[in-house]
Amino acid sequence: MPYKISGTKSETARIIILKESDWSIESNTVVSGSGSYEVTDLETGNKTVVARTNAGKMVGYGIVSPEYYALPTGDRGIFGENDVIDYITISTPGDATDFGDLITNRGYFSATSNSTNDRGVAGGGLTTGDVRINIIEYITISTTGNATDFGDLTGERYWSASCSNGTNNRGVFRGGKNVSGTPSNVMDYITISTTGDATDFGDATVTSTFPAGTANA
């Protein structure tokens, strides 16, 4: 969704953007301080923009057309196992470099990203002592550092598969073994750019232990 709206304000304000096609809220963001602001990852189409200060003052602008912007390109690959995260520059052969650490020492988890929107997520897995977990963690792919808690899957699973629709921002986790050690057909989904717990997506046609995932993003 490579469209953005920018403007200026005199103080900290909540910027609310409504899609005039159905009047749903597309973005609701607090932007601190005075000066210019920019809200990205919007759909095309006319908007109504409302700025509300902490004191309750509100200013509204209708029929605002967002501006197209080119999404950045990326060239970084990420790998994780136990509590170690490594990265490589995909276009340049060479050894991996330390990126940071996962919160939880675990294996057999699955991971995906929202592409050039720059967030990677990892869900589920098996910790020391064969403990199944439902933890989701995330990183900012372009910036090295430790993972941060994102939320939880709907249940404890490992050996699952995951995929995303890229910059459209949905990640899906599917199957694997559940907390009782039996194969699962559960599918969960998350909005990758927004932290929170996963939501039930539906069920796969079969239960499976080692599924694989891909997408046309």
Foldseek 3Di string as FASTA:
>chain_A
DQWKDKDWDAAWWWKWKAAPVVRDTPDTDIDGHTTMDMDGLDDFHFIKIWIADPVGDIDIDGRDTTHGDDQDAAQKDWDDAQFWIWMDRNVDDDDTDTQETEPGGFDQWEKEAQHSVFKIKIAWGAHPPRAFAFWMWMDRRVHGYYIDTQEGEPFGFGLWEKEDPHNVFKIKIAWAAGRVRDIAFWIWMDRRVHGYYTDTDDGDPDGDHHDYDYDPD
